[in-house]
């Protein structure tokens, strides 16, 4: 489970062991990160109740979320670099 807490939105993605997207959410948080995060994760609760998640958090608002929830924080540039190496390893330039 990847959680990106940005300045205006929260994005969450759940991947299976083969790195296929099982579910994703993209929501504006209107400066109410905690309520939006709780609601967004709650949407996955019923369907993925028996799954074991390995969550990581990134984004400009992610550090405080990761600290409060005792989750791994990955800086955005590092997260992007890891994803590119995994999914499109032939890439030699990325412009964000």
C-alpha atoms as a PDB file:
ATOM      1  CA  UNK A   1       0.000   0.000   0.000  1.00  0.00           C
ATOM      2  CA  UNK A   2       1.410   3.331  -1.036  1.00  0.00           C
ATOM      3  CA  UNK A   3       0.033   6.478   0.572  1.00  0.00           C
ATOM      4  CA  UNK A   4       0.915   9.877  -0.917  1.00  0.00           C
ATOM      5  CA  UNK A   5      -0.141  12.814   1.237  1.00  0.00           C
ATOM      6  CA  UNK A   6       0.291  15.885  -0.891  1.00  0.00           C
ATOM      7  CA  UNK A   7      -0.443  19.536  -0.281  1.00  0.00           C
ATOM      8  CA  UNK A   8      -3.980  19.217  -1.681  1.00  0.00           C
ATOM      9  CA  UNK A   9      -4.690  15.520  -2.259  1.00  0.00           C
ATOM     10  CA  UNK A  10      -4.285  12.041  -0.852  1.00  0.00           C
ATOM     11  CA  UNK A  11      -3.503   9.193  -3.195  1.00  0.00           C
ATOM     12  CA  UNK A  12      -3.517   5.550  -2.126  1.00  0.00           C
ATOM     13  CA  UNK A  13      -2.673   2.507  -4.219  1.00  0.00           C
ATOM     14  CA  UNK A  14      -2.767  -1.167  -3.340  1.00  0.00           C
ATOM     15  CA  UNK A  15      -0.560  -3.509  -5.359  1.00  0.00           C
ATOM     16  CA  UNK A  16      -0.631  -7.290  -5.376  1.00  0.00           C
ATOM     17  CA  UNK A  17       2.602  -9.328  -5.080  1.00  0.00           C
ATOM     18  CA  UNK A  18       3.010  -9.125  -8.878  1.00  0.00           C
ATOM     19  CA  UNK A  19       2.823  -5.284  -8.704  1.00  0.00           C
ATOM     20  CA  UNK A  20      -0.606  -5.139 -10.351  1.00  0.00           C
ATOM     21  CA  UNK A  21      -2.915  -2.386  -9.137  1.00  0.00           C
ATOM     22  CA  UNK A  22      -5.774  -3.849  -7.120  1.00  0.00           C
ATOM     23  CA  UNK A  23      -7.286  -0.549  -6.035  1.00  0.00           C
ATOM     24  CA  UNK A  24      -6.534   3.150  -5.902  1.00  0.00           C
ATOM     25  CA  UNK A  25      -8.005   6.368  -4.561  1.00  0.00           C
ATOM     26  CA  UNK A  26      -7.310  10.001  -5.445  1.00  0.00           C
ATOM     27  CA  UNK A  27      -9.057  12.542  -3.197  1.00  0.00           C
ATOM     28  CA  UNK A  28      -8.727  16.209  -2.340  1.00  0.00           C
ATOM     29  CA  UNK A  29      -8.288  16.640   1.407  1.00  0.00           C
ATOM     30  CA  UNK A  30      -9.205  20.339   1.724  1.00  0.00           C
ATOM     31  CA  UNK A  31      -6.616  20.649   4.529  1.00  0.00           C
ATOM     32  CA  UNK A  32      -8.359  17.907   6.526  1.00  0.00           C
ATOM     33  CA  UNK A  33      -5.771  15.195   5.997  1.00  0.00           C
ATOM     34  CA  UNK A  34      -6.784  12.895   8.855  1.00  0.00           C
ATOM     35  CA  UNK A  35     -10.506  12.666   8.058  1.00  0.00           C
ATOM     36  CA  UNK A  36      -9.788  12.195   4.363  1.00  0.00           C
ATOM     37  CA  UNK A  37      -7.166   9.541   5.068  1.00  0.00           C
ATOM     38  CA  UNK A  38      -9.480   7.687   7.451  1.00  0.00           C
ATOM     39  CA  UNK A  39     -12.317   7.746   4.910  1.00  0.00           C
ATOM     40  CA  UNK A  40     -10.057   6.686   2.036  1.00  0.00           C
ATOM     41  CA  UNK A  41      -8.503   3.763   3.906  1.00  0.00           C
ATOM     42  CA  UNK A  42     -11.946   2.810   5.199  1.00  0.00           C
ATOM     43  CA  UNK A  43     -13.084   2.298   1.603  1.00  0.00           C
ATOM     44  CA  UNK A  44     -10.564  -0.551   1.325  1.00  0.00           C
ATOM     45  CA  UNK A  45     -11.409  -2.090   4.699  1.00  0.00           C
ATOM     46  CA  UNK A  46     -14.297  -4.349   3.703  1.00  0.00           C
ATOM     47  CA  UNK A  47     -12.889  -5.667   0.441  1.00  0.00           C
ATOM     48  CA  UNK A  48      -9.302  -6.158   1.635  1.00  0.00           C
ATOM     49  CA  UNK A  49      -9.990  -7.087   5.266  1.00  0.00           C
ATOM     50  CA  UNK A  50      -7.931 -10.302   5.074  1.00  0.00           C
ATOM     51  CA  UNK A  51      -4.949  -8.787   3.267  1.00  0.00           C
ATOM     52  CA  UNK A  52      -1.652  -8.100   4.972  1.00  0.00           C
ATOM     53  CA  UNK A  53      -0.463  -4.656   3.905  1.00  0.00           C
ATOM     54  CA  UNK A  54       3.062  -3.295   3.866  1.00  0.00           C
ATOM     55  CA  UNK A  55       2.340   0.448   3.809  1.00  0.00           C
ATOM     56  CA  UNK A  56       4.741   3.259   3.002  1.00  0.00           C
ATOM     57  CA  UNK A  57       4.008   6.977   3.020  1.00  0.00           C
ATOM     58  CA  UNK A  58       5.359   9.766   0.855  1.00  0.00           C
ATOM     59  CA  UNK A  59       4.450  13.326  -0.042  1.00  0.00           C
ATOM     60  CA  UNK A  60       4.750  16.791   1.386  1.00  0.00           C
ATOM     61  CA  UNK A  61       2.364  15.946   4.229  1.00  0.00           C
ATOM     62  CA  UNK A  62       3.492  12.366   4.548  1.00  0.00           C
ATOM     63  CA  UNK A  63       6.195  12.665   7.186  1.00  0.00           C
ATOM     64  CA  UNK A  64       3.809  13.647   9.975  1.00  0.00           C
ATOM     65  CA  UNK A  65       1.360  10.922   8.912  1.00  0.00           C
ATOM     66  CA  UNK A  66       4.127   8.296   8.856  1.00  0.00           C
ATOM     67  CA  UNK A  67       5.410   9.377  12.258  1.00  0.00           C
ATOM     68  CA  UNK A  68       1.986   9.408  13.888  1.00  0.00           C
ATOM     69  CA  UNK A  69       1.023   6.007  12.439  1.00  0.00           C
ATOM     70  CA  UNK A  70       4.519   4.506  12.864  1.00  0.00           C
ATOM     71  CA  UNK A  71       4.834   3.739   9.132  1.00  0.00           C
ATOM     72  CA  UNK A  72       7.799   3.893   6.788  1.00  0.00           C
ATOM     73  CA  UNK A  73       8.297   7.309   5.164  1.00  0.00           C
ATOM     74  CA  UNK A  74       9.935   7.472   1.741  1.00  0.00           C
ATOM     75  CA  UNK A  75      10.924  10.873   0.352  1.00  0.00           C
ATOM     76  CA  UNK A  76       9.113  11.631  -2.932  1.00  0.00           C
ATOM     77  CA  UNK A  77      12.162  11.728  -5.205  1.00  0.00           C
ATOM     78  CA  UNK A  78      13.380   8.433  -3.746  1.00  0.00           C
ATOM     79  CA  UNK A  79       9.921   6.867  -4.155  1.00  0.00           C
ATOM     80  CA  UNK A  80       9.735   8.030  -7.766  1.00  0.00           C
ATOM     81  CA  UNK A  81      13.212   6.756  -8.511  1.00  0.00           C
ATOM     82  CA  UNK A  82      12.438   3.336  -7.039  1.00  0.00           C
ATOM     83  CA  UNK A  83       9.195   3.070  -9.019  1.00  0.00           C
ATOM     84  CA  UNK A  84      10.888   4.006 -12.274  1.00  0.00           C
ATOM     85  CA  UNK A  85      13.672   1.464 -11.712  1.00  0.00           C
ATOM     86  CA  UNK A  86      11.106  -1.238 -10.992  1.00  0.00           C
ATOM     87  CA  UNK A  87       8.488  -0.529 -13.666  1.00  0.00           C
ATOM     88  CA  UNK A  88      10.386   1.152 -16.513  1.00  0.00           C
ATOM     89  CA  UNK A  89      14.075   0.373 -15.922  1.00  0.00           C
ATOM     90  CA  UNK A  90      15.136   1.486 -19.400  1.00  0.00           C
ATOM     91  CA  UNK A  91      14.319   5.107 -18.438  1.00  0.00           C
ATOM     92  CA  UNK A  92      17.318   7.430 -18.262  1.00  0.00           C
ATOM     93  CA  UNK A  93      15.604  10.822 -17.737  1.00  0.00           C
ATOM     94  CA  UNK A  94      12.575  11.798 -15.683  1.00  0.00           C
ATOM     95  CA  UNK A  95      10.975  15.244 -15.573  1.00  0.00           C
ATOM     96  CA  UNK A  96       8.501  15.874 -12.785  1.00  0.00           C
END
